[in-house]
C-alpha atoms as a PDB file:
ATOM      1  CA  MET A   1     219.284 295.024 -67.165  1.00  0.00           C
ATOM      2  CA  PRO A   2     215.692 296.038 -66.293  1.00  0.00           C
ATOM      3  CA  LYS A   3     214.470 299.426 -67.481  1.00  0.00           C
ATOM      4  CA  TYR A   4     212.413 301.958 -65.569  1.00  0.00           C
ATOM      5  CA  LEU A   5     210.559 305.110 -66.567  1.00  0.00           C
ATOM      6  CA  LEU A   6     210.944 307.919 -64.050  1.00  0.00           C
ATOM      7  CA  GLN A   7     208.455 310.776 -64.352  1.00  0.00           C
ATOM      8  CA  GLY A   8     209.313 313.840 -62.330  1.00  0.00           C
ATOM      9  CA  SER A   9     207.377 316.947 -61.454  1.00  0.00           C
ATOM     10  CA  TYR A  10     209.392 319.739 -59.854  1.00  0.00           C
ATOM     11  CA  THR A  11     208.168 321.494 -56.725  1.00  0.00           C
ATOM     12  CA  SER A  12     208.691 325.250 -56.588  1.00  0.00           C
ATOM     13  CA  GLU A  13     212.010 324.692 -54.784  1.00  0.00           C
ATOM     14  CA  GLY A  14     213.070 322.155 -57.395  1.00  0.00           C
ATOM     15  CA  ALA A  15     212.166 324.562 -60.204  1.00  0.00           C
ATOM     16  CA  LYS A  16     214.273 327.273 -58.537  1.00  0.00           C
ATOM     17  CA  GLY A  17     217.199 324.842 -58.408  1.00  0.00           C
ATOM     18  CA  LEU A  18     216.698 323.928 -62.062  1.00  0.00           C
ATOM     19  CA  LEU A  19     216.682 327.617 -63.029  1.00  0.00           C
ATOM     20  CA  LYS A  20     219.914 328.106 -61.086  1.00  0.00           C
ATOM     21  CA  GLU A  21     221.781 324.991 -62.331  1.00  0.00           C
ATOM     22  CA  GLY A  22     220.264 324.377 -65.760  1.00  0.00           C
ATOM     23  CA  GLY A  23     219.116 321.139 -67.338  1.00  0.00           C
ATOM     24  CA  SER A  24     222.544 319.726 -68.190  1.00  0.00           C
ATOM     25  CA  GLN A  25     223.748 320.050 -64.610  1.00  0.00           C
ATOM     26  CA  ARG A  26     220.646 318.259 -63.304  1.00  0.00           C
ATOM     27  CA  ARG A  27     221.215 315.378 -65.710  1.00  0.00           C
ATOM     28  CA  ALA A  28     224.853 315.174 -64.587  1.00  0.00           C
ATOM     29  CA  ALA A  29     223.757 315.135 -60.933  1.00  0.00           C
ATOM     30  CA  VAL A  30     221.295 312.306 -61.619  1.00  0.00           C
ATOM     31  CA  GLU A  31     223.976 310.334 -63.487  1.00  0.00           C
ATOM     32  CA  LYS A  32     226.383 310.806 -60.585  1.00  0.00           C
ATOM     33  CA  SER A  33     223.822 309.507 -58.076  1.00  0.00           C
ATOM     34  CA  LEU A  34     223.036 306.453 -60.238  1.00  0.00           C
ATOM     35  CA  GLN A  35     226.605 305.304 -60.919  1.00  0.00           C
ATOM     36  CA  PRO A  36     227.370 303.902 -57.440  1.00  0.00           C
ATOM     37  CA  LEU A  37     224.092 301.951 -57.631  1.00  0.00           C
ATOM     38  CA  GLY A  38     225.121 300.249 -60.880  1.00  0.00           C
ATOM     39  CA  ALA A  39     222.415 302.121 -62.796  1.00  0.00           C
ATOM     40  CA  LYS A  40     222.658 304.418 -65.798  1.00  0.00           C
ATOM     41  CA  ILE A  41     220.530 306.812 -67.824  1.00  0.00           C
ATOM     42  CA  GLU A  42     219.341 305.618 -71.218  1.00  0.00           C
ATOM     43  CA  ALA A  43     217.321 308.748 -72.019  1.00  0.00           C
ATOM     44  CA  PHE A  44     216.656 312.057 -70.267  1.00  0.00           C
ATOM     45  CA  TYR A  45     214.064 314.542 -71.508  1.00  0.00           C
ATOM     46  CA  TYR A  46     212.422 317.655 -70.158  1.00  0.00           C
ATOM     47  CA  SER A  47     208.806 318.232 -71.125  1.00  0.00           C
ATOM     48  CA  LEU A  48     205.914 320.635 -71.002  1.00  0.00           C
ATOM     49  CA  GLY A  49     202.760 319.410 -69.334  1.00  0.00           C
ATOM     50  CA  GLU A  50     201.851 317.408 -66.257  1.00  0.00           C
ATOM     51  CA  ASP A  51     205.402 316.095 -65.751  1.00  0.00           C
ATOM     52  CA  ASP A  52     208.575 318.146 -66.112  1.00  0.00           C
ATOM     53  CA  VAL A  53     211.106 315.418 -66.765  1.00  0.00           C
ATOM     54  CA  TYR A  54     211.129 311.873 -68.159  1.00  0.00           C
ATOM     55  CA  VAL A  55     214.101 309.602 -67.573  1.00  0.00           C
ATOM     56  CA  ILE A  56     214.606 306.029 -68.725  1.00  0.00           C
ATOM     57  CA  VAL A  57     217.034 304.231 -66.439  1.00  0.00           C
ATOM     58  CA  ASP A  58     218.771 300.867 -66.690  1.00  0.00           C
ATOM     59  CA  ALA A  59     219.101 299.503 -63.144  1.00  0.00           C
ATOM     60  CA  PRO A  60     220.051 296.168 -61.599  1.00  0.00           C
ATOM     61  CA  ASP A  61     216.735 295.556 -59.829  1.00  0.00           C
ATOM     62  CA  ASN A  62     213.572 296.951 -58.225  1.00  0.00           C
ATOM     63  CA  ILE A  63     215.264 297.415 -54.842  1.00  0.00           C
ATOM     64  CA  THR A  64     217.885 299.726 -56.346  1.00  0.00           C
ATOM     65  CA  VAL A  65     215.220 301.831 -58.051  1.00  0.00           C
ATOM     66  CA  ALA A  66     213.070 301.888 -54.907  1.00  0.00           C
ATOM     67  CA  ALA A  67     216.045 303.191 -52.888  1.00  0.00           C
ATOM     68  CA  MET A  68     216.666 305.916 -55.456  1.00  0.00           C
ATOM     69  CA  SER A  69     212.983 306.816 -55.614  1.00  0.00           C
ATOM     70  CA  MET A  70     212.729 307.121 -51.829  1.00  0.00           C
ATOM     71  CA  ALA A  71     215.816 309.356 -51.700  1.00  0.00           C
ATOM     72  CA  VAL A  72     214.497 311.645 -54.447  1.00  0.00           C
ATOM     73  CA  ASN A  73     211.011 311.904 -52.967  1.00  0.00           C
ATOM     74  CA  ALA A  74     212.396 312.497 -49.458  1.00  0.00           C
ATOM     75  CA  ALA A  75     214.378 315.473 -50.759  1.00  0.00           C
ATOM     76  CA  ALA A  76     211.017 317.076 -51.686  1.00  0.00           C
ATOM     77  CA  SER A  77     212.299 318.969 -54.743  1.00  0.00           C
ATOM     78  CA  VAL A  78     210.777 316.547 -57.234  1.00  0.00           C
ATOM     79  CA  ARG A  79     207.688 314.349 -57.043  1.00  0.00           C
ATOM     80  CA  LEU A  80     208.863 311.159 -58.700  1.00  0.00           C
ATOM     81  CA  LYS A  81     206.735 308.381 -60.190  1.00  0.00           C
ATOM     82  CA  THR A  82     208.424 305.147 -61.227  1.00  0.00           C
ATOM     83  CA  THR A  83     207.185 302.634 -63.785  1.00  0.00           C
ATOM     84  CA  VAL A  84     208.773 299.266 -64.540  1.00  0.00           C
ATOM     85  CA  LEU A  85     209.171 298.869 -68.300  1.00  0.00           C
ATOM     86  CA  LEU A  86     208.772 295.459 -69.930  1.00  0.00           C
ATOM     87  CA  THR A  87     210.254 294.310 -73.225  1.00  0.00           C
ATOM     88  CA  THR A  88     208.178 292.741 -75.974  1.00  0.00           C
ATOM     89  CA  GLN A  89     209.861 289.427 -75.168  1.00  0.00           C
ATOM     90  CA  GLU A  90     208.788 289.683 -71.522  1.00  0.00           C
ATOM     91  CA  ILE A  91     205.192 290.306 -72.599  1.00  0.00           C
ATOM     92  CA  ASP A  92     205.403 287.330 -74.986  1.00  0.00           C
ATOM     93  CA  SER A  93     206.534 285.159 -72.053  1.00  0.00           C
ATOM     94  CA  ALA A  94     203.763 286.528 -69.840  1.00  0.00           C
ATOM     95  CA  ALA A  95     201.175 285.835 -72.527  1.00  0.00           C
ATOM     96  CA  LYS A  96     202.243 282.162 -72.587  1.00  0.00           C
ATOM     97  CA  LYS A  97     201.706 281.697 -68.848  1.00  0.00           C
ATOM     98  CA  GLY A  98     198.363 280.170 -68.025  1.00  0.00           C
ATOM     99  CA  VAL A  99     196.346 282.078 -65.482  1.00  0.00           C
ATOM    100  CA  ASP A 100     193.121 280.660 -64.066  1.00  0.00           C
ATOM    101  CA  TYR A 101     191.181 283.877 -63.446  1.00  0.00           C
ATOM    102  CA  ARG A 102     187.453 284.383 -63.052  1.00  0.00           C
ATOM    103  CA  PRO A 103     186.145 287.955 -63.452  1.00  0.00           C
ATOM    104  CA  PRO A 104     183.741 289.198 -60.764  1.00  0.00           C
ATOM    105  CA  GLY A 105     180.164 288.064 -61.296  1.00  0.00           C
ATOM    106  CA  ARG A 106     180.938 285.312 -63.812  1.00  0.00           C
END
């Protein structure tokens, strides 16, 4: 199943909710929202810095993750960034594909 990195930054309202519920409850809520989509959490970490939370998710496809991302961002408690993660094997396959590309000015 494809993997995705979700980077979240809480808004002030989201931070208030996190203070009220705690980190474990937020993880459980995310897991509950992913299950019906056929997705699951591989890793879930809180952090200090630009982003507040990092989650690696296994999901069936980009459409599923886009739907989840839109729902989270629409709720306006977390600003979510999503990155598709590629395996080393996928990069090996990409490296073997021939691409006829000319850089600008050459």
